[in-house]
Amino acid sequence: AVLDARPDLAPAIALQRRLLTIVAEVAQTLDGGSTPRLSLPPRYLAAKLARGVPALAREPIPLPVPVLSPALRQLCDALAAGGAGDTATHIKEALDRGEIEDSSLLTACLMRNQIAIRTGATHRGLAPDLVWLVAELAVSPFVHKLQRVLFACAADETLRSALQAWNRGYCPACGSWPALAEVVRSHRTLRCAFCACAWELTAYACIYCEEGGEKFVTAAPNDDRKDRRIEVCGTCGAYLKTIDLPELSPFPLLSISDLETTDLDVAAMEHGYSRPMLKEFT
């Protein structure tokens, strides 16, 4: 449907198909395996959330490296064929030579340690943003399963109450910023760019700095598409894309909405707005 409406996105859509196929295959493999065993009691998680700390932040969580490692290399190949060329190939070669250790890269991504990954990539002459993207795509099926295990069946009343009380712009599971907000039946739901967690805020304000006054504005760049909007904040200079949908996007198809709304990113950036770095948690 996106391709029919936006033929100019054909190369990007072709690449997205390849990337999503790899991510979906990893997710299927993980779903066919054992459920991750986490020593994270509900009351402990509720206490973290009450302090504004995401559930998975700073937790020593073992990763299924044998399942995720092949995906790192497959994603590099897909990106190389999709236009990244030698830039992506060099990342795969660095992985094969052991210059980047698979488990260290995957763990740093899970812990949202963007600085460590960018620093390591730059030191090795690799493209930091592409190394981060490869790691994030490879880990995303696992962290999505983690948040489902933690939250989807939150039978504990304390944890359920803590989740319902979460009123912050970053993800309660992993701490990432949302890729966008999906509005379904007048409910503005934030969708995590990493694990696809969904949560709502009690107030309509900037998700980054909580500005709710005149400096916080929602606008539709295209008058013919009022269902696609940008929330911009004059206080912190950040923005968020908002789209109306009949239902929430399932994992990993959230990235399709993100791709289809790249024109909103361009419009926001042309006016000087940007997305902030990930938050750090201690």
Protein backbone atom coordinates (compact mmCIF):
# COMPACT_ATOMS: atom_id res chain seq x y z
CA ALA A 1 0.00 0.00 0.00
CA VAL A 2 2.87 2.37 0.81
CA LEU A 3 4.55 1.51 -2.49
CA ASP A 4 1.35 2.20 -4.43
CA ALA A 5 1.01 5.61 -2.79
CA ARG A 6 4.72 6.49 -2.83
CA PRO A 7 6.52 4.95 -5.85
CA ASP A 8 9.51 7.17 -5.02
CA LEU A 9 10.10 5.03 -1.92
CA ALA A 10 10.59 1.84 -3.97
CA PRO A 11 14.32 1.37 -3.14
CA ALA A 12 13.73 2.04 0.56
CA ILE A 13 10.76 -0.33 0.62
CA ALA A 14 12.75 -3.08 -1.10
CA LEU A 15 15.46 -2.73 1.55
CA GLN A 16 12.88 -2.66 4.33
CA ARG A 17 11.39 -5.92 3.04
CA ARG A 18 14.78 -7.63 3.32
CA LEU A 19 15.49 -6.23 6.77
CA LEU A 20 12.04 -7.09 8.12
CA THR A 21 12.33 -10.63 6.75
CA ILE A 22 15.54 -11.15 8.74
CA VAL A 23 14.05 -9.64 11.90
CA ALA A 24 10.86 -11.71 11.54
CA GLU A 25 12.85 -14.92 11.07
CA VAL A 26 14.83 -14.22 14.25
CA ALA A 27 11.60 -13.50 16.11
CA GLN A 28 10.12 -16.79 14.88
CA THR A 29 13.21 -18.70 16.05
CA LEU A 30 13.01 -17.05 19.47
CA ASP A 31 9.29 -17.76 19.78
CA GLY A 32 9.98 -21.41 19.04
CA GLY A 33 12.53 -21.60 21.85
CA SER A 34 12.31 -21.37 25.61
CA THR A 35 10.98 -18.28 27.33
CA PRO A 36 13.75 -16.07 28.77
CA ARG A 37 14.19 -16.70 32.48
CA LEU A 38 14.44 -13.39 34.30
CA SER A 39 15.20 -12.91 37.98
CA LEU A 40 13.18 -9.72 38.11
CA PRO A 41 10.42 -9.93 40.75
CA PRO A 42 7.31 -7.85 39.99
CA ARG A 43 7.73 -5.70 43.12
CA TYR A 44 11.33 -4.96 42.21
CA LEU A 45 10.26 -3.88 38.71
CA ALA A 46 7.43 -1.79 40.14
CA ALA A 47 9.91 0.01 42.40
CA LYS A 48 12.17 0.76 39.42
CA LEU A 49 9.26 2.12 37.39
CA ALA A 50 8.16 4.29 40.31
CA ARG A 51 11.63 5.90 40.24
CA GLY A 52 11.38 6.51 36.50
CA VAL A 53 13.84 3.74 35.64
CA PRO A 54 12.85 1.34 32.82
CA ALA A 55 12.41 -2.30 33.77
CA LEU A 56 15.35 -3.64 31.74
CA ALA A 57 17.78 -0.79 32.42
CA ARG A 58 21.15 -1.93 33.86
CA GLU A 59 20.00 -5.52 34.31
CA PRO A 60 22.48 -8.37 33.55
CA ILE A 61 20.36 -10.17 30.98
CA PRO A 62 21.98 -13.07 29.06
CA LEU A 63 21.49 -12.82 25.31
CA PRO A 64 20.91 -15.74 22.90
CA VAL A 65 24.08 -14.84 20.99
CA PRO A 66 24.07 -17.97 18.74
CA VAL A 67 20.62 -16.93 17.43
CA LEU A 68 21.39 -13.23 17.01
CA SER A 69 24.95 -13.39 15.62
CA PRO A 70 23.98 -14.69 12.15
CA ALA A 71 21.41 -11.89 11.91
CA LEU A 72 24.16 -9.28 12.38
CA ARG A 73 25.90 -10.51 9.24
CA GLN A 74 22.68 -11.02 7.26
CA LEU A 75 21.65 -7.46 8.05
CA CYS A 76 25.04 -6.16 6.88
CA ASP A 77 24.60 -8.03 3.58
CA ALA A 78 21.07 -6.65 3.13
CA LEU A 79 22.20 -3.10 3.83
CA ALA A 80 25.18 -3.46 1.49
CA ALA A 81 22.89 -4.65 -1.32
CA GLY A 82 20.35 -1.95 -0.47
CA GLY A 83 22.69 0.98 -0.99
CA ALA A 84 25.09 1.08 1.96
CA GLY A 85 27.70 -0.79 -0.11
CA ASP A 86 31.22 -1.04 1.31
CA THR A 87 30.19 0.82 4.46
CA ALA A 88 28.03 -2.13 5.53
CA THR A 89 30.49 -4.71 4.18
CA HIS A 90 33.25 -3.26 6.36
CA ILE A 91 31.09 -3.79 9.45
CA LYS A 92 30.57 -7.45 8.54
CA GLU A 93 34.29 -7.88 7.95
CA ALA A 94 35.07 -6.33 11.34
CA LEU A 95 32.66 -8.81 12.95
CA ASP A 96 34.22 -11.74 11.09
CA ARG A 97 37.74 -10.70 12.12
CA GLY A 98 36.68 -10.34 15.74
CA GLU A 99 37.48 -6.63 15.84
CA ILE A 100 33.92 -6.23 17.10
CA GLU A 101 32.84 -8.97 19.47
CA ASP A 102 29.30 -10.11 18.73
CA SER A 103 28.24 -10.51 22.36
CA SER A 104 29.70 -7.14 23.40
CA LEU A 105 27.94 -5.32 20.56
CA LEU A 106 24.61 -7.04 21.22
CA THR A 107 24.82 -6.44 24.97
CA ALA A 108 25.72 -2.76 24.55
CA CYS A 109 22.71 -2.35 22.26
CA LEU A 110 20.37 -4.11 24.69
CA MET A 111 21.64 -1.81 27.46
CA ARG A 112 21.02 1.19 25.15
CA ASN A 113 24.69 2.19 25.45
CA GLN A 114 24.77 4.30 22.32
CA ILE A 115 27.94 6.15 23.34
CA ALA A 116 29.97 2.93 23.70
CA ILE A 117 28.86 1.64 20.30
CA ARG A 118 29.50 4.94 18.54
CA THR A 119 32.91 5.34 20.17
CA GLY A 120 33.95 1.78 19.28
CA ALA A 121 32.76 2.15 15.69
CA THR A 122 34.55 5.46 15.20
CA HIS A 123 37.76 4.03 16.67
CA ARG A 124 37.65 1.23 14.09
CA GLY A 125 36.84 3.52 11.17
CA LEU A 126 33.27 2.24 10.83
CA ALA A 127 30.05 4.19 10.36
CA PRO A 128 28.64 4.63 13.91
CA ASP A 129 25.01 5.07 12.86
CA LEU A 130 25.10 1.95 10.68
CA VAL A 131 26.74 -0.17 13.40
CA TRP A 132 24.02 0.99 15.79
CA LEU A 133 21.28 0.18 13.25
CA VAL A 134 22.63 -3.32 12.58
CA ALA A 135 22.85 -4.09 16.30
CA GLU A 136 19.43 -2.62 17.03
CA LEU A 137 17.71 -4.63 14.30
CA ALA A 138 19.40 -7.84 15.43
CA VAL A 139 18.51 -7.40 19.11
CA SER A 140 14.98 -6.01 18.61
CA PRO A 141 13.21 -9.42 18.37
CA PHE A 142 14.78 -10.51 21.66
CA VAL A 143 13.99 -7.31 23.56
CA HIS A 144 10.45 -7.40 22.16
CA LYS A 145 10.04 -10.89 23.61
CA LEU A 146 11.52 -9.72 26.92
CA GLN A 147 9.02 -6.89 27.31
CA ARG A 148 6.15 -9.22 26.41
CA VAL A 149 7.31 -11.67 29.09
CA LEU A 150 7.58 -8.84 31.61
CA PHE A 151 4.45 -6.86 30.82
CA ALA A 152 1.96 -8.72 28.62
CA CYS A 153 0.80 -10.92 31.48
CA ALA A 154 1.39 -8.54 34.37
CA ALA A 155 -0.78 -10.46 36.81
CA ASP A 156 0.88 -8.84 39.81
CA GLU A 157 -1.24 -5.91 40.97
CA THR A 158 1.78 -3.86 42.10
CA LEU A 159 3.50 -4.12 38.72
CA ARG A 160 0.27 -3.51 36.82
CA SER A 161 -0.36 -0.35 38.85
CA ALA A 162 3.20 0.85 38.25
CA LEU A 163 2.78 0.37 34.51
CA GLN A 164 -0.52 2.22 34.51
CA ALA A 165 1.10 5.07 36.44
CA TRP A 166 4.04 5.34 33.99
CA ASN A 167 3.79 8.85 32.59
CA ARG A 168 7.13 9.40 30.88
CA GLY A 169 8.03 9.87 27.25
CA TYR A 170 10.58 7.04 27.15
CA CYS A 171 9.77 3.34 27.08
CA PRO A 172 8.96 1.68 30.42
CA ALA A 173 10.63 -1.53 29.24
CA CYS A 174 13.94 -0.50 27.64
CA GLY A 175 14.14 3.29 27.97
CA SER A 176 14.15 4.11 24.24
CA TRP A 177 12.25 7.03 22.74
CA PRO A 178 9.16 6.20 20.68
CA ALA A 179 9.47 5.96 16.92
CA LEU A 180 6.11 7.73 16.71
CA ALA A 181 2.70 8.00 18.31
CA GLU A 182 -0.17 5.98 16.91
CA VAL A 183 -3.64 7.38 17.52
CA VAL A 184 -6.29 4.65 17.58
CA ARG A 185 -9.86 5.60 18.49
CA SER A 186 -8.64 8.90 20.00
CA HIS A 187 -6.03 7.14 22.17
CA ARG A 188 -2.54 8.57 21.61
CA THR A 189 -0.24 5.60 22.13
CA LEU A 190 3.54 5.93 22.10
CA ARG A 191 5.36 3.07 20.34
CA CYS A 192 8.93 2.22 21.32
CA ALA A 193 11.38 2.36 18.42
CA PHE A 194 13.28 -0.64 19.82
CA CYS A 195 10.97 -3.15 21.51
CA ALA A 196 7.60 -1.88 20.14
CA CYS A 197 6.19 -1.46 23.66
CA ALA A 198 2.98 0.62 23.71
CA TRP A 199 2.04 3.10 26.45
CA GLU A 200 -0.11 6.19 26.92
CA LEU A 201 0.51 9.45 28.76
CA THR A 202 -2.01 11.21 30.97
CA ALA A 203 -1.30 14.67 29.52
CA TYR A 204 -0.99 15.96 25.97
CA ALA A 205 2.44 17.58 26.09
CA CYS A 206 5.98 17.24 24.75
CA ILE A 207 7.15 13.72 25.53
CA TYR A 208 10.75 14.90 26.01
CA CYS A 209 10.46 17.91 28.35
CA GLU A 210 6.73 17.87 29.28
CA GLU A 211 6.13 21.35 27.83
CA GLY A 212 2.38 21.72 27.41
CA GLY A 213 2.05 25.45 26.82
CA GLU A 214 2.14 27.62 23.72
CA LYS A 215 5.60 26.35 22.73
CA PHE A 216 4.20 22.87 22.18
CA VAL A 217 2.45 22.70 18.80
CA THR A 218 0.91 19.93 16.72
CA ALA A 219 0.65 20.57 12.99
CA ALA A 220 -0.10 18.70 9.76
CA PRO A 221 2.42 19.73 7.06
CA ASN A 222 -0.03 18.54 4.39
CA ASP A 223 -3.54 20.00 4.67
CA ASP A 224 -4.89 17.02 2.74
CA ARG A 225 -3.46 14.55 5.27
CA LYS A 226 -4.62 15.67 8.70
CA ASP A 227 -4.08 12.09 9.86
CA ARG A 228 -0.30 12.60 9.70
CA ARG A 229 1.01 15.22 12.09
CA ILE A 230 4.15 16.46 13.83
CA GLU A 231 4.36 17.46 17.47
CA VAL A 232 7.10 20.09 17.83
CA CYS A 233 8.41 21.71 20.99
CA GLY A 234 9.92 25.18 21.07
CA THR A 235 11.33 24.59 24.55
CA CYS A 236 13.56 21.56 23.89
CA GLY A 237 13.64 21.71 20.07
CA ALA A 238 12.49 18.10 19.63
CA TYR A 239 9.67 16.55 17.61
CA LEU A 240 7.48 13.45 17.41
CA LYS A 241 5.50 12.04 14.51
CA THR A 242 1.84 11.21 15.11
CA ILE A 243 -0.40 9.20 12.79
CA ASP A 244 -4.02 8.03 12.94
CA LEU A 245 -4.49 4.30 12.42
CA PRO A 246 -7.38 1.82 12.75
CA GLU A 247 -5.23 -0.34 15.06
CA LEU A 248 -1.76 -0.45 16.59
CA SER A 249 1.02 -1.77 14.36
CA PRO A 250 2.34 -5.20 15.38
CA PHE A 251 6.04 -5.94 15.82
CA PRO A 252 8.10 -5.65 13.63
CA LEU A 253 5.84 -3.78 11.22
CA LEU A 254 6.04 -0.52 13.17
CA SER A 255 9.04 0.37 11.00
CA ILE A 256 6.73 0.54 7.96
CA SER A 257 4.83 3.46 9.48
CA ASP A 258 8.16 5.03 10.38
CA LEU A 259 9.34 4.69 6.77
CA GLU A 260 6.07 5.91 5.29
CA THR A 261 6.28 9.11 7.35
CA THR A 262 9.87 10.09 6.51
CA ASP A 263 8.49 13.24 4.89
CA LEU A 264 7.39 14.33 8.38
CA ASP A 265 10.96 13.86 9.63
CA VAL A 266 12.22 16.02 6.78
CA ALA A 267 9.64 18.73 7.47
CA ALA A 268 10.54 18.82 11.17
CA MET A 269 14.29 18.91 10.54
CA GLU A 270 13.94 21.63 7.92
CA HIS A 271 12.49 23.80 10.68
CA GLY A 272 15.36 23.03 13.05
CA TYR A 273 13.80 20.28 15.17
CA SER A 274 15.58 17.03 15.98
CA ARG A 275 15.35 13.81 18.00
CA PRO A 276 17.36 13.77 21.26
CA MET A 277 19.96 11.17 22.25
CA LEU A 278 18.83 8.23 24.35
CA LYS A 279 18.56 8.81 28.06
CA GLU A 280 21.09 7.21 30.40
CA PHE A 281 20.00 5.40 33.52
CA THR A 282 22.03 4.57 36.61
